Amino acid sequence: MKTNSINTEKSTSKDNVGFTFLFGKRNYIFMAIGLALIGLGFLLMTGHDANTRPDGTWDANYWNEDIYSFRRIRLAPFLVIAGFVVEIYAILINPNKEK
């Protein structure tokens, strides 16, 4: 029959115990920049749908060409993808590397 025993001895002394973050300050700065780019990209994608008039009323017989604008089709997705690239870069930066 097995018995469970709990080791109450401390394996490390108080002098060696220290809390360190996984990433450095530079990593977190780039992560914040990446999140801001992603948020800005999604914000730029918002707007009226295809059947909404410029005054905000919905009409099934109206077609809003603004859904194909440069901002929604090209700029916003580019910013989202750039934000994800910056996030990947922020994760891959070595925080212990000498400057």
C-alpha atoms as a PDB file:
ATOM      1  CA  MET A   1       0.000   0.000   0.000  1.00  0.00           C
ATOM      2  CA  LYS A   2       1.386   3.374  -1.061  1.00  0.00           C
ATOM      3  CA  THR A   3       1.285   6.372   1.197  1.00  0.00           C
ATOM      4  CA  ASN A   4       1.454   9.924   0.028  1.00  0.00           C
ATOM      5  CA  SER A   5       4.153  11.932   1.659  1.00  0.00           C
ATOM      6  CA  ILE A   6       4.580  15.645   1.440  1.00  0.00           C
ATOM      7  CA  ASN A   7       8.061  17.057   1.391  1.00  0.00           C
ATOM      8  CA  THR A   8       8.024  20.064   3.686  1.00  0.00           C
ATOM      9  CA  GLU A   9      11.659  20.948   3.164  1.00  0.00           C
ATOM     10  CA  LYS A  10      12.307  23.957   0.975  1.00  0.00           C
ATOM     11  CA  SER A  11      14.449  23.164  -1.985  1.00  0.00           C
ATOM     12  CA  THR A  12      15.596  26.729  -2.504  1.00  0.00           C
ATOM     13  CA  SER A  13      16.759  29.332  -0.088  1.00  0.00           C
ATOM     14  CA  LYS A  14      15.154  32.744   0.203  1.00  0.00           C
ATOM     15  CA  ASP A  15      18.181  34.379  -1.404  1.00  0.00           C
ATOM     16  CA  ASN A  16      17.765  32.469  -4.672  1.00  0.00           C
ATOM     17  CA  VAL A  17      14.033  32.996  -5.052  1.00  0.00           C
ATOM     18  CA  GLY A  18      13.228  35.744  -7.558  1.00  0.00           C
ATOM     19  CA  PHE A  19      10.374  36.569  -9.858  1.00  0.00           C
ATOM     20  CA  THR A  20      11.202  37.335 -13.459  1.00  0.00           C
ATOM     21  CA  PHE A  21       8.879  38.085 -16.328  1.00  0.00           C
ATOM     22  CA  LEU A  22       8.956  35.867 -19.373  1.00  0.00           C
ATOM     23  CA  PHE A  23       9.286  38.857 -21.708  1.00  0.00           C
ATOM     24  CA  GLY A  24      11.251  42.051 -21.386  1.00  0.00           C
ATOM     25  CA  LYS A  25      10.100  45.658 -21.597  1.00  0.00           C
ATOM     26  CA  ARG A  26      10.829  45.812 -25.322  1.00  0.00           C
ATOM     27  CA  ASN A  27       8.643  42.735 -25.942  1.00  0.00           C
ATOM     28  CA  TYR A  28       5.681  44.317 -24.168  1.00  0.00           C
ATOM     29  CA  ILE A  29       6.098  47.596 -26.055  1.00  0.00           C
ATOM     30  CA  PHE A  30       5.971  45.765 -29.392  1.00  0.00           C
ATOM     31  CA  MET A  31       2.983  43.716 -28.193  1.00  0.00           C
ATOM     32  CA  ALA A  32       1.123  46.927 -27.364  1.00  0.00           C
ATOM     33  CA  ILE A  33       1.963  48.367 -30.792  1.00  0.00           C
ATOM     34  CA  GLY A  34       0.718  45.174 -32.477  1.00  0.00           C
ATOM     35  CA  LEU A  35      -2.540  45.210 -30.517  1.00  0.00           C
ATOM     36  CA  ALA A  36      -3.058  48.872 -31.400  1.00  0.00           C
ATOM     37  CA  LEU A  37      -2.573  48.105 -35.114  1.00  0.00           C
ATOM     38  CA  ILE A  38      -5.023  45.195 -34.961  1.00  0.00           C
ATOM     39  CA  GLY A  39      -7.592  47.303 -33.116  1.00  0.00           C
ATOM     40  CA  LEU A  40      -7.207  50.196 -35.553  1.00  0.00           C
ATOM     41  CA  GLY A  41      -7.611  47.815 -38.506  1.00  0.00           C
ATOM     42  CA  PHE A  42     -10.849  46.381 -37.136  1.00  0.00           C
ATOM     43  CA  LEU A  43     -12.098  49.865 -36.322  1.00  0.00           C
ATOM     44  CA  LEU A  44     -11.452  51.002 -39.904  1.00  0.00           C
ATOM     45  CA  MET A  45     -13.422  48.024 -41.248  1.00  0.00           C
ATOM     46  CA  THR A  46     -16.609  49.131 -39.507  1.00  0.00           C
ATOM     47  CA  GLY A  47     -19.334  51.144 -41.169  1.00  0.00           C
ATOM     48  CA  HIS A  48     -22.731  50.898 -42.772  1.00  0.00           C
ATOM     49  CA  ASP A  49     -23.687  47.733 -44.597  1.00  0.00           C
ATOM     50  CA  ALA A  50     -24.569  47.488 -48.285  1.00  0.00           C
ATOM     51  CA  ASN A  51     -28.260  48.396 -47.896  1.00  0.00           C
ATOM     52  CA  THR A  52     -27.923  51.356 -45.551  1.00  0.00           C
ATOM     53  CA  ARG A  53     -28.406  54.852 -46.944  1.00  0.00           C
ATOM     54  CA  PRO A  54     -25.986  57.648 -45.944  1.00  0.00           C
ATOM     55  CA  ASP A  55     -28.623  59.029 -43.554  1.00  0.00           C
ATOM     56  CA  GLY A  56     -28.644  55.692 -41.655  1.00  0.00           C
ATOM     57  CA  THR A  57     -31.939  54.253 -42.844  1.00  0.00           C
ATOM     58  CA  TRP A  58     -32.123  50.725 -44.234  1.00  0.00           C
ATOM     59  CA  ASP A  59     -33.494  50.330 -47.749  1.00  0.00           C
ATOM     60  CA  ALA A  60     -33.539  47.009 -49.645  1.00  0.00           C
ATOM     61  CA  ASN A  61     -33.490  48.869 -52.988  1.00  0.00           C
ATOM     62  CA  TYR A  62     -30.382  50.945 -52.199  1.00  0.00           C
ATOM     63  CA  TRP A  63     -26.805  49.782 -52.792  1.00  0.00           C
ATOM     64  CA  ASN A  64     -24.074  51.521 -50.818  1.00  0.00           C
ATOM     65  CA  GLU A  65     -20.852  51.554 -52.844  1.00  0.00           C
ATOM     66  CA  ASP A  66     -18.948  52.648 -49.736  1.00  0.00           C
ATOM     67  CA  ILE A  67     -18.479  49.010 -48.704  1.00  0.00           C
ATOM     68  CA  TYR A  68     -15.851  48.742 -51.451  1.00  0.00           C
ATOM     69  CA  SER A  69     -13.835  51.763 -50.318  1.00  0.00           C
ATOM     70  CA  PHE A  70     -10.041  51.733 -50.121  1.00  0.00           C
ATOM     71  CA  ARG A  71     -10.241  52.046 -46.340  1.00  0.00           C
ATOM     72  CA  ARG A  72     -12.345  48.899 -45.859  1.00  0.00           C
ATOM     73  CA  ILE A  73     -10.903  46.656 -48.557  1.00  0.00           C
ATOM     74  CA  ARG A  74      -7.189  47.455 -48.540  1.00  0.00           C
ATOM     75  CA  LEU A  75      -6.054  49.646 -45.641  1.00  0.00           C
ATOM     76  CA  ALA A  76      -7.864  47.930 -42.745  1.00  0.00           C
ATOM     77  CA  PRO A  77      -6.871  44.337 -43.615  1.00  0.00           C
ATOM     78  CA  PHE A  78      -3.287  45.485 -44.199  1.00  0.00           C
ATOM     79  CA  LEU A  79      -3.197  47.026 -40.704  1.00  0.00           C
ATOM     80  CA  VAL A  80      -4.602  43.848 -39.136  1.00  0.00           C
ATOM     81  CA  ILE A  81      -2.011  41.656 -40.873  1.00  0.00           C
ATOM     82  CA  ALA A  82       0.765  44.116 -39.966  1.00  0.00           C
ATOM     83  CA  GLY A  83      -0.404  43.973 -36.348  1.00  0.00           C
ATOM     84  CA  PHE A  84      -0.162  40.179 -36.320  1.00  0.00           C
ATOM     85  CA  VAL A  85       3.335  40.359 -37.842  1.00  0.00           C
ATOM     86  CA  VAL A  86       4.381  42.821 -35.111  1.00  0.00           C
ATOM     87  CA  GLU A  87       2.896  40.465 -32.477  1.00  0.00           C
ATOM     88  CA  ILE A  88       4.951  37.543 -33.834  1.00  0.00           C
ATOM     89  CA  TYR A  89       8.061  39.723 -33.817  1.00  0.00           C
ATOM     90  CA  ALA A  90       7.334  40.793 -30.226  1.00  0.00           C
ATOM     91  CA  ILE A  91       7.143  37.172 -29.116  1.00  0.00           C
ATOM     92  CA  LEU A  92      10.357  36.210 -30.906  1.00  0.00           C
ATOM     93  CA  ILE A  93      12.516  39.063 -29.549  1.00  0.00           C
ATOM     94  CA  ASN A  94      15.118  37.726 -27.131  1.00  0.00           C
ATOM     95  CA  PRO A  95      14.851  39.805 -23.927  1.00  0.00           C
ATOM     96  CA  ASN A  96      18.214  38.578 -22.627  1.00  0.00           C
ATOM     97  CA  LYS A  97      20.199  39.618 -25.682  1.00  0.00           C
ATOM     98  CA  GLU A  98      22.893  42.217 -25.048  1.00  0.00           C
ATOM     99  CA  LYS A  99      22.311  45.554 -26.716  1.00  0.00           C
END
